[in-house]
Amino acid sequence: MPKEIPVIGLVILAGFLAGGVYAAWKTARVFAMLLGALAVLALGGAVAWML
């Protein structure tokens, strides 16, 4: 399996989670912060995978 496939998946997951942050921010800030932390972790995982 090429090295880029999991990276692309993690970036897509981070974008999906960031969209959830945007949608939930006005009504559920704690949940939005949790989603934001998960998005940062997914993006960090993508960066670490590429290195």
PDB file of N, CA and C in Angstrom:
ATOM      1  N   MET A   1       0.854  -1.173   0.000  1.00  0.00           N
ATOM      2  CA  MET A   1       0.000   0.000   0.000  1.00  0.00           C
ATOM      3  C   MET A   1       0.900   1.236   0.000  1.00  0.00           C
ATOM      4  N   PRO A   2       0.598   2.186  -0.861  1.00  0.00           N
ATOM      5  CA  PRO A   2       1.409   3.412  -0.903  1.00  0.00           C
ATOM      6  C   PRO A   2       1.331   4.176   0.419  1.00  0.00           C
ATOM      7  N   LYS A   3       2.388   4.887   0.712  1.00  0.00           N
ATOM      8  CA  LYS A   3       2.510   5.635   1.961  1.00  0.00           C
ATOM      9  C   LYS A   3       1.497   6.773   2.063  1.00  0.00           C
ATOM     10  N   GLU A   4       1.031   7.276   0.945  1.00  0.00           N
ATOM     11  CA  GLU A   4       0.161   8.457   0.954  1.00  0.00           C
ATOM     12  C   GLU A   4      -1.294   8.151   1.278  1.00  0.00           C
ATOM     13  N   ILE A   5      -1.739   6.916   1.116  1.00  0.00           N
ATOM     14  CA  ILE A   5      -3.161   6.597   1.312  1.00  0.00           C
ATOM     15  C   ILE A   5      -3.603   6.846   2.757  1.00  0.00           C
ATOM     16  N   PRO A   6      -2.891   6.346   3.775  1.00  0.00           N
ATOM     17  CA  PRO A   6      -3.326   6.667   5.148  1.00  0.00           C
ATOM     18  C   PRO A   6      -3.236   8.154   5.466  1.00  0.00           C
ATOM     19  N   VAL A   7      -2.271   8.842   4.885  1.00  0.00           N
ATOM     20  CA  VAL A   7      -2.137  10.281   5.122  1.00  0.00           C
ATOM     21  C   VAL A   7      -3.350  11.013   4.572  1.00  0.00           C
ATOM     22  N   ILE A   8      -3.767  10.650   3.383  1.00  0.00           N
ATOM     23  CA  ILE A   8      -4.948  11.280   2.786  1.00  0.00           C
ATOM     24  C   ILE A   8      -6.181  10.999   3.641  1.00  0.00           C
ATOM     25  N   GLY A   9      -6.303   9.766   4.139  1.00  0.00           N
ATOM     26  CA  GLY A   9      -7.427   9.432   5.010  1.00  0.00           C
ATOM     27  C   GLY A   9      -7.437  10.236   6.292  1.00  0.00           C
ATOM     28  N   LEU A  10      -6.271  10.426   6.889  1.00  0.00           N
ATOM     29  CA  LEU A  10      -6.198  11.210   8.124  1.00  0.00           C
ATOM     30  C   LEU A  10      -6.508  12.681   7.878  1.00  0.00           C
ATOM     31  N   VAL A  11      -6.080  13.211   6.752  1.00  0.00           N
ATOM     32  CA  VAL A  11      -6.394  14.614   6.433  1.00  0.00           C
ATOM     33  C   VAL A  11      -7.890  14.776   6.180  1.00  0.00           C
ATOM     34  N   ILE A  12      -8.487  13.813   5.509  1.00  0.00           N
ATOM     35  CA  ILE A  12      -9.945  13.854   5.294  1.00  0.00           C
ATOM     36  C   ILE A  12     -10.676  13.776   6.627  1.00  0.00           C
ATOM     37  N   LEU A  13     -10.226  12.891   7.515  1.00  0.00           N
ATOM     38  CA  LEU A  13     -10.833  12.779   8.844  1.00  0.00           C
ATOM     39  C   LEU A  13     -10.694  14.086   9.623  1.00  0.00           C
ATOM     40  N   ALA A  14      -9.519  14.712   9.550  1.00  0.00           N
ATOM     41  CA  ALA A  14      -9.313  15.987  10.243  1.00  0.00           C
ATOM     42  C   ALA A  14     -10.256  17.059   9.690  1.00  0.00           C
ATOM     43  N   GLY A  15     -10.436  17.090   8.388  1.00  0.00           N
ATOM     44  CA  GLY A  15     -11.367  18.053   7.800  1.00  0.00           C
ATOM     45  C   GLY A  15     -12.805  17.804   8.214  1.00  0.00           C
ATOM     46  N   PHE A  16     -13.182  16.540   8.267  1.00  0.00           N
ATOM     47  CA  PHE A  16     -14.537  16.188   8.709  1.00  0.00           C
ATOM     48  C   PHE A  16     -14.756  16.616  10.155  1.00  0.00           C
ATOM     49  N   LEU A  17     -13.765  16.361  11.000  1.00  0.00           N
ATOM     50  CA  LEU A  17     -13.874  16.757  12.404  1.00  0.00           C
ATOM     51  C   LEU A  17     -13.886  18.276  12.558  1.00  0.00           C
ATOM     52  N   ALA A  18     -13.093  18.982  11.744  1.00  0.00           N
ATOM     53  CA  ALA A  18     -13.096  20.444  11.798  1.00  0.00           C
ATOM     54  C   ALA A  18     -14.463  20.997  11.375  1.00  0.00           C
ATOM     55  N   GLY A  19     -15.101  20.355  10.432  1.00  0.00           N
ATOM     56  CA  GLY A  19     -16.460  20.751  10.062  1.00  0.00           C
ATOM     57  C   GLY A  19     -17.434  20.550  11.210  1.00  0.00           C
ATOM     58  N   GLY A  20     -17.232  19.483  11.970  1.00  0.00           N
ATOM     59  CA  GLY A  20     -18.061  19.255  13.149  1.00  0.00           C
ATOM     60  C   GLY A  20     -17.850  20.326  14.202  1.00  0.00           C
ATOM     61  N   VAL A  21     -16.620  20.795  14.325  1.00  0.00           N
ATOM     62  CA  VAL A  21     -16.332  21.896  15.258  1.00  0.00           C
ATOM     63  C   VAL A  21     -17.098  23.133  14.834  1.00  0.00           C
ATOM     64  N   TYR A  22     -17.047  23.434  13.560  1.00  0.00           N
ATOM     65  CA  TYR A  22     -17.745  24.621  13.039  1.00  0.00           C
ATOM     66  C   TYR A  22     -19.250  24.522  13.275  1.00  0.00           C
ATOM     67  N   ALA A  23     -19.800  23.335  13.053  1.00  0.00           N
ATOM     68  CA  ALA A  23     -21.246  23.156  13.203  1.00  0.00           C
ATOM     69  C   ALA A  23     -21.687  23.171  14.662  1.00  0.00           C
ATOM     70  N   ALA A  24     -20.872  22.654  15.560  1.00  0.00           N
ATOM     71  CA  ALA A  24     -21.286  22.502  16.950  1.00  0.00           C
ATOM     72  C   ALA A  24     -20.886  23.665  17.841  1.00  0.00           C
ATOM     73  N   TRP A  25     -20.110  24.600  17.352  1.00  0.00           N
ATOM     74  CA  TRP A  25     -19.532  25.620  18.230  1.00  0.00           C
ATOM     75  C   TRP A  25     -20.580  26.456  18.948  1.00  0.00           C
ATOM     76  N   LYS A  26     -21.659  26.834  18.288  1.00  0.00           N
ATOM     77  CA  LYS A  26     -22.644  27.726  18.910  1.00  0.00           C
ATOM     78  C   LYS A  26     -23.498  27.027  19.962  1.00  0.00           C
ATOM     79  N   THR A  27     -23.688  25.718  19.827  1.00  0.00           N
ATOM     80  CA  THR A  27     -24.604  25.040  20.737  1.00  0.00           C
ATOM     81  C   THR A  27     -23.901  24.182  21.782  1.00  0.00           C
ATOM     82  N   ALA A  28     -22.808  23.544  21.428  1.00  0.00           N
ATOM     83  CA  ALA A  28     -22.147  22.615  22.346  1.00  0.00           C
ATOM     84  C   ALA A  28     -20.639  22.860  22.300  1.00  0.00           C
ATOM     85  N   ARG A  29     -20.188  23.820  23.057  1.00  0.00           N
ATOM     86  CA  ARG A  29     -18.777  24.227  22.986  1.00  0.00           C
ATOM     87  C   ARG A  29     -17.832  23.148  23.511  1.00  0.00           C
ATOM     88  N   VAL A  30     -18.215  22.429  24.548  1.00  0.00           N
ATOM     89  CA  VAL A  30     -17.335  21.392  25.089  1.00  0.00           C
ATOM     90  C   VAL A  30     -17.152  20.284  24.057  1.00  0.00           C
ATOM     91  N   PHE A  31     -18.235  19.872  23.432  1.00  0.00           N
ATOM     92  CA  PHE A  31     -18.165  18.855  22.384  1.00  0.00           C
ATOM     93  C   PHE A  31     -17.353  19.358  21.194  1.00  0.00           C
ATOM     94  N   ALA A  32     -17.507  20.622  20.863  1.00  0.00           N
ATOM     95  CA  ALA A  32     -16.740  21.202  19.762  1.00  0.00           C
ATOM     96  C   ALA A  32     -15.248  21.219  20.083  1.00  0.00           C
ATOM     97  N   MET A  33     -14.894  21.500  21.317  1.00  0.00           N
ATOM     98  CA  MET A  33     -13.482  21.474  21.702  1.00  0.00           C
ATOM     99  C   MET A  33     -12.917  20.058  21.635  1.00  0.00           C
ATOM    100  N   LEU A  34     -13.720  19.077  22.014  1.00  0.00           N
ATOM    101  CA  LEU A  34     -13.293  17.683  21.907  1.00  0.00           C
ATOM    102  C   LEU A  34     -13.055  17.313  20.445  1.00  0.00           C
ATOM    103  N   LEU A  35     -13.969  17.708  19.577  1.00  0.00           N
ATOM    104  CA  LEU A  35     -13.798  17.447  18.146  1.00  0.00           C
ATOM    105  C   LEU A  35     -12.565  18.168  17.608  1.00  0.00           C
ATOM    106  N   GLY A  36     -12.323  19.380  18.084  1.00  0.00           N
ATOM    107  CA  GLY A  36     -11.143  20.119  17.658  1.00  0.00           C
ATOM    108  C   GLY A  36      -9.858  19.420  18.070  1.00  0.00           C
ATOM    109  N   ALA A  37      -9.841  18.889  19.282  1.00  0.00           N
ATOM    110  CA  ALA A  37      -8.656  18.159  19.744  1.00  0.00           C
ATOM    111  C   ALA A  37      -8.434  16.907  18.893  1.00  0.00           C
ATOM    112  N   LEU A  38      -9.503  16.218  18.556  1.00  0.00           N
ATOM    113  CA  LEU A  38      -9.379  15.032  17.705  1.00  0.00           C
ATOM    114  C   LEU A  38      -8.916  15.403  16.299  1.00  0.00           C
ATOM    115  N   ALA A  39      -9.370  16.539  15.800  1.00  0.00           N
ATOM    116  CA  ALA A  39      -8.927  16.992  14.482  1.00  0.00           C
ATOM    117  C   ALA A  39      -7.441  17.306  14.490  1.00  0.00           C
ATOM    118  N   VAL A  40      -6.971  17.941  15.557  1.00  0.00           N
ATOM    119  CA  VAL A  40      -5.542  18.248  15.669  1.00  0.00           C
ATOM    120  C   VAL A  40      -4.726  16.956  15.752  1.00  0.00           C
ATOM    121  N   LEU A  41      -5.226  15.981  16.497  1.00  0.00           N
ATOM    122  CA  LEU A  41      -4.533  14.694  16.594  1.00  0.00           C
ATOM    123  C   LEU A  41      -4.472  13.990  15.243  1.00  0.00           C
ATOM    124  N   ALA A  42      -5.568  14.019  14.495  1.00  0.00           N
ATOM    125  CA  ALA A  42      -5.580  13.379  13.185  1.00  0.00           C
ATOM    126  C   ALA A  42      -4.613  14.071  12.229  1.00  0.00           C
ATOM    127  N   LEU A  43      -4.593  15.377  12.260  1.00  0.00           N
ATOM    128  CA  LEU A  43      -3.673  16.118  11.393  1.00  0.00           C
ATOM    129  C   LEU A  43      -2.219  15.889  11.817  1.00  0.00           C
ATOM    130  N   GLY A  44      -1.988  15.856  13.110  1.00  0.00           N
ATOM    131  CA  GLY A  44      -0.646  15.549  13.593  1.00  0.00           C
ATOM    132  C   GLY A  44      -0.210  14.147  13.222  1.00  0.00           C
ATOM    133  N   GLY A  45      -1.139  13.208  13.255  1.00  0.00           N
ATOM    134  CA  GLY A  45      -0.830  11.853  12.836  1.00  0.00           C
ATOM    135  C   GLY A  45      -0.479  11.777  11.355  1.00  0.00           C
ATOM    136  N   ALA A  46      -1.165  12.564  10.554  1.00  0.00           N
ATOM    137  CA  ALA A  46      -0.857  12.598   9.120  1.00  0.00           C
ATOM    138  C   ALA A  46       0.541  13.150   8.863  1.00  0.00           C
ATOM    139  N   VAL A  47       0.877  14.208   9.585  1.00  0.00           N
ATOM    140  CA  VAL A  47       2.208  14.796   9.443  1.00  0.00           C
ATOM    141  C   VAL A  47       3.283  13.807   9.905  1.00  0.00           C
ATOM    142  N   ALA A  48       3.038  13.161  11.045  1.00  0.00           N
ATOM    143  CA  ALA A  48       4.016  12.199  11.566  1.00  0.00           C
ATOM    144  C   ALA A  48       4.169  11.012  10.622  1.00  0.00           C
ATOM    145  N   TRP A  49       3.085  10.586   9.993  1.00  0.00           N
ATOM    146  CA  TRP A  49       3.143   9.453   9.075  1.00  0.00           C
ATOM    147  C   TRP A  49       3.998   9.793   7.853  1.00  0.00           C
ATOM    148  N   MET A  50       3.905  11.040   7.398  1.00  0.00           N
ATOM    149  CA  MET A  50       4.694  11.438   6.236  1.00  0.00           C
ATOM    150  C   MET A  50       6.179  11.542   6.564  1.00  0.00           C
ATOM    151  N   LEU A  51       6.515  11.839   7.812  1.00  0.00           N
ATOM    152  CA  LEU A  51       7.921  11.947   8.185  1.00  0.00           C
ATOM    153  C   LEU A  51       8.454  10.566   8.426  1.00  0.00           C
TER     154      LEU A  51
END
